[in-house]
Amino acid sequence: MNTPRTYAAVLPGDSPVFQWTNTTGTVAYQTLLYQQYYGSLTEGYVLVLPNKTIIPYGAGSPSGSDLFNFTSPSQVYNPSS
């Protein structure tokens, strides 16, 4: 995604985003929930858009695959509500 002022971040484990009942919260929670079944899936990653919209995603690749090469975001996203 090549959108100016968009950055990658990670949700802390106790982030309220996991409790949101909208699509954002649901997707974030599902990646958290299913991480245990897909060993290299990493939950809690989000893209933060300039308007403060967040898009959760899970990053990972099958074992032994170099198809995807993601690095962990260094920034933590912690919404105020």
N, C-alpha and C. Protein backbone atom coordinates (compact mmCIF):
# COMPACT_ATOMS: atom_id res chain seq x y z
N MET A 1 0.86 -1.17 0.00
CA MET A 1 0.00 0.00 0.00
C MET A 1 0.90 1.23 0.00
N ASN A 2 0.73 2.06 -0.98
CA ASN A 2 1.57 3.24 -1.12
C ASN A 2 0.71 4.49 -0.91
N THR A 3 0.31 4.71 0.32
CA THR A 3 -0.52 5.85 0.66
C THR A 3 0.28 6.73 1.62
N PRO A 4 0.49 7.99 1.25
CA PRO A 4 1.27 8.87 2.13
C PRO A 4 0.69 8.92 3.55
N ARG A 5 1.57 8.95 4.53
CA ARG A 5 1.23 9.05 5.95
C ARG A 5 0.51 7.82 6.49
N THR A 6 0.53 6.71 5.77
CA THR A 6 0.02 5.44 6.29
C THR A 6 1.20 4.69 6.87
N TYR A 7 1.01 4.10 8.05
CA TYR A 7 2.11 3.37 8.66
C TYR A 7 1.62 2.05 9.25
N ALA A 8 2.53 1.13 9.40
CA ALA A 8 2.23 -0.15 10.01
C ALA A 8 2.50 -0.06 11.50
N ALA A 9 1.66 -0.73 12.28
CA ALA A 9 1.82 -0.75 13.74
C ALA A 9 1.35 -2.11 14.24
N VAL A 10 1.57 -2.35 15.50
CA VAL A 10 1.12 -3.60 16.12
C VAL A 10 0.23 -3.25 17.31
N LEU A 11 -0.82 -4.04 17.50
CA LEU A 11 -1.72 -3.84 18.64
C LEU A 11 -1.14 -4.54 19.87
N PRO A 12 -1.15 -3.88 21.02
CA PRO A 12 -0.74 -4.58 22.23
C PRO A 12 -1.76 -5.67 22.56
N GLY A 13 -1.36 -6.69 23.26
CA GLY A 13 -2.24 -7.82 23.55
C GLY A 13 -3.52 -7.45 24.27
N ASP A 14 -3.53 -6.36 25.02
CA ASP A 14 -4.73 -5.94 25.75
C ASP A 14 -5.45 -4.78 25.05
N SER A 15 -5.19 -4.60 23.77
CA SER A 15 -5.79 -3.49 23.03
C SER A 15 -7.31 -3.59 23.00
N PRO A 16 -8.01 -2.48 23.22
CA PRO A 16 -9.46 -2.50 23.13
C PRO A 16 -9.97 -2.78 21.71
N VAL A 17 -9.10 -2.66 20.71
CA VAL A 17 -9.52 -2.93 19.33
C VAL A 17 -10.05 -4.36 19.21
N PHE A 18 -9.45 -5.30 19.94
CA PHE A 18 -9.91 -6.70 19.87
C PHE A 18 -11.34 -6.85 20.36
N GLN A 19 -11.84 -5.89 21.10
CA GLN A 19 -13.20 -5.96 21.64
C GLN A 19 -14.22 -5.20 20.80
N TRP A 20 -13.77 -4.45 19.81
CA TRP A 20 -14.71 -3.69 18.98
C TRP A 20 -15.65 -4.65 18.27
N THR A 21 -16.91 -4.27 18.17
CA THR A 21 -17.90 -5.14 17.53
C THR A 21 -18.04 -4.86 16.03
N ASN A 22 -17.30 -3.91 15.51
CA ASN A 22 -17.36 -3.64 14.08
C ASN A 22 -16.40 -4.55 13.32
N THR A 23 -16.31 -4.38 12.02
CA THR A 23 -15.46 -5.24 11.19
C THR A 23 -14.00 -5.18 11.61
N THR A 24 -13.51 -4.00 11.95
CA THR A 24 -12.12 -3.86 12.36
C THR A 24 -11.83 -4.74 13.57
N GLY A 25 -12.65 -4.65 14.59
CA GLY A 25 -12.46 -5.47 15.79
C GLY A 25 -12.59 -6.95 15.51
N THR A 26 -13.55 -7.31 14.64
CA THR A 26 -13.77 -8.71 14.31
C THR A 26 -12.57 -9.31 13.60
N VAL A 27 -12.03 -8.59 12.61
CA VAL A 27 -10.87 -9.10 11.86
C VAL A 27 -9.65 -9.18 12.78
N ALA A 28 -9.43 -8.16 13.58
CA ALA A 28 -8.29 -8.18 14.51
C ALA A 28 -8.41 -9.38 15.46
N TYR A 29 -9.60 -9.61 16.00
CA TYR A 29 -9.81 -10.71 16.93
C TYR A 29 -9.63 -12.06 16.23
N GLN A 30 -10.13 -12.18 15.00
CA GLN A 30 -10.01 -13.45 14.27
C GLN A 30 -8.55 -13.80 14.00
N THR A 31 -7.73 -12.81 13.65
CA THR A 31 -6.31 -13.12 13.43
C THR A 31 -5.65 -13.54 14.74
N LEU A 32 -6.09 -12.94 15.85
CA LEU A 32 -5.59 -13.34 17.17
C LEU A 32 -6.02 -14.77 17.48
N LEU A 33 -7.28 -15.06 17.24
CA LEU A 33 -7.85 -16.37 17.56
C LEU A 33 -7.21 -17.50 16.75
N TYR A 34 -7.02 -17.27 15.44
CA TYR A 34 -6.55 -18.34 14.56
C TYR A 34 -5.03 -18.44 14.46
N GLN A 35 -4.31 -17.57 15.13
CA GLN A 35 -2.86 -17.65 15.09
C GLN A 35 -2.37 -19.01 15.58
N GLN A 36 -3.04 -19.56 16.58
CA GLN A 36 -2.60 -20.83 17.14
C GLN A 36 -2.68 -21.99 16.14
N TYR A 37 -3.50 -21.84 15.09
CA TYR A 37 -3.64 -22.91 14.11
C TYR A 37 -2.71 -22.72 12.91
N TYR A 38 -2.10 -21.56 12.82
CA TYR A 38 -1.22 -21.27 11.69
C TYR A 38 0.05 -20.65 12.27
N GLY A 39 1.00 -21.51 12.59
CA GLY A 39 2.16 -21.13 13.38
C GLY A 39 2.88 -19.86 12.99
N SER A 40 2.94 -19.55 11.70
CA SER A 40 3.70 -18.36 11.32
C SER A 40 2.80 -17.14 11.14
N LEU A 41 1.51 -17.26 11.45
CA LEU A 41 0.61 -16.10 11.37
C LEU A 41 0.88 -15.20 12.57
N THR A 42 1.03 -13.93 12.32
CA THR A 42 1.28 -12.98 13.40
C THR A 42 0.08 -12.07 13.52
N GLU A 43 -0.53 -12.06 14.68
CA GLU A 43 -1.73 -11.25 14.89
C GLU A 43 -1.35 -9.86 15.38
N GLY A 44 -2.30 -8.97 15.32
CA GLY A 44 -2.13 -7.66 15.91
C GLY A 44 -1.52 -6.61 15.00
N TYR A 45 -1.19 -6.96 13.77
CA TYR A 45 -0.63 -5.98 12.85
C TYR A 45 -1.76 -5.15 12.25
N VAL A 46 -1.55 -3.87 12.15
CA VAL A 46 -2.54 -2.98 11.55
C VAL A 46 -1.85 -1.96 10.66
N LEU A 47 -2.59 -1.47 9.68
CA LEU A 47 -2.18 -0.30 8.92
C LEU A 47 -2.99 0.86 9.46
N VAL A 48 -2.35 1.96 9.76
CA VAL A 48 -3.04 3.14 10.27
C VAL A 48 -3.03 4.19 9.16
N LEU A 49 -4.23 4.53 8.70
CA LEU A 49 -4.38 5.50 7.62
C LEU A 49 -4.33 6.92 8.18
N PRO A 50 -4.09 7.92 7.33
CA PRO A 50 -4.01 9.31 7.80
C PRO A 50 -5.26 9.78 8.56
N ASN A 51 -6.43 9.25 8.22
CA ASN A 51 -7.66 9.66 8.90
C ASN A 51 -7.92 8.85 10.17
N LYS A 52 -6.91 8.07 10.62
CA LYS A 52 -6.94 7.25 11.84
C LYS A 52 -7.76 5.97 11.70
N THR A 53 -8.21 5.66 10.49
CA THR A 53 -8.82 4.37 10.23
C THR A 53 -7.74 3.31 10.35
N ILE A 54 -8.06 2.18 10.97
CA ILE A 54 -7.08 1.10 11.03
C ILE A 54 -7.59 -0.10 10.26
N ILE A 55 -6.66 -0.78 9.61
CA ILE A 55 -6.97 -1.97 8.83
C ILE A 55 -6.13 -3.10 9.40
N PRO A 56 -6.75 -4.06 10.09
CA PRO A 56 -5.98 -5.17 10.65
C PRO A 56 -5.60 -6.18 9.58
N TYR A 57 -4.48 -6.83 9.76
CA TYR A 57 -4.07 -7.89 8.87
C TYR A 57 -3.20 -8.86 9.64
N GLY A 58 -3.13 -10.06 9.15
CA GLY A 58 -2.23 -11.05 9.72
C GLY A 58 -1.12 -11.29 8.72
N ALA A 59 0.08 -11.36 9.19
CA ALA A 59 1.22 -11.60 8.30
C ALA A 59 1.79 -12.97 8.59
N GLY A 60 2.15 -13.67 7.57
CA GLY A 60 2.77 -14.96 7.77
C GLY A 60 2.96 -15.68 6.47
N SER A 61 3.63 -16.79 6.52
CA SER A 61 3.82 -17.62 5.35
C SER A 61 3.95 -19.07 5.79
N PRO A 62 3.63 -20.00 4.91
CA PRO A 62 3.77 -21.41 5.28
C PRO A 62 5.20 -21.72 5.69
N SER A 63 5.36 -22.69 6.55
CA SER A 63 6.69 -23.06 7.03
C SER A 63 7.63 -23.35 5.87
N GLY A 64 8.83 -22.79 5.95
CA GLY A 64 9.83 -23.03 4.93
C GLY A 64 9.64 -22.21 3.67
N SER A 65 8.64 -21.35 3.64
CA SER A 65 8.37 -20.55 2.45
C SER A 65 8.94 -19.15 2.61
N ASP A 66 9.55 -18.64 1.58
CA ASP A 66 10.02 -17.27 1.57
C ASP A 66 9.13 -16.40 0.70
N LEU A 67 7.92 -16.88 0.44
CA LEU A 67 7.00 -16.14 -0.41
C LEU A 67 6.70 -14.76 0.16
N PHE A 68 6.49 -14.71 1.46
CA PHE A 68 6.23 -13.43 2.11
C PHE A 68 7.36 -13.16 3.10
N ASN A 69 7.83 -11.96 3.12
CA ASN A 69 8.90 -11.63 4.03
C ASN A 69 8.54 -10.32 4.73
N PHE A 70 7.76 -10.42 5.80
CA PHE A 70 7.32 -9.26 6.54
C PHE A 70 8.21 -9.04 7.75
N THR A 71 8.41 -7.82 8.11
CA THR A 71 9.11 -7.53 9.35
C THR A 71 8.11 -6.94 10.33
N SER A 72 8.35 -7.08 11.59
CA SER A 72 7.43 -6.58 12.61
C SER A 72 7.43 -5.05 12.63
N PRO A 73 6.24 -4.46 12.66
CA PRO A 73 6.18 -3.00 12.82
C PRO A 73 6.77 -2.60 14.16
N SER A 74 7.50 -1.52 14.18
CA SER A 74 8.12 -1.09 15.43
C SER A 74 7.21 -0.18 16.24
N GLN A 75 6.15 0.30 15.64
CA GLN A 75 5.26 1.23 16.32
C GLN A 75 4.07 0.47 16.91
N VAL A 76 3.64 0.86 18.11
CA VAL A 76 2.48 0.26 18.76
C VAL A 76 1.30 1.20 18.59
N TYR A 77 0.15 0.63 18.19
CA TYR A 77 -1.06 1.43 18.05
C TYR A 77 -1.91 1.20 19.28
N ASN A 78 -2.23 2.25 20.00
CA ASN A 78 -3.05 2.14 21.20
C ASN A 78 -4.12 3.23 21.15
N PRO A 79 -5.32 2.87 20.68
CA PRO A 79 -6.37 3.87 20.57
C PRO A 79 -6.83 4.36 21.94
N SER A 80 -7.33 5.57 21.96
CA SER A 80 -7.77 6.14 23.23
C SER A 80 -9.13 5.62 23.64
N SER A 81 -9.85 4.99 22.70
CA SER A 81 -11.18 4.46 23.06
C SER A 81 -11.38 3.09 22.46
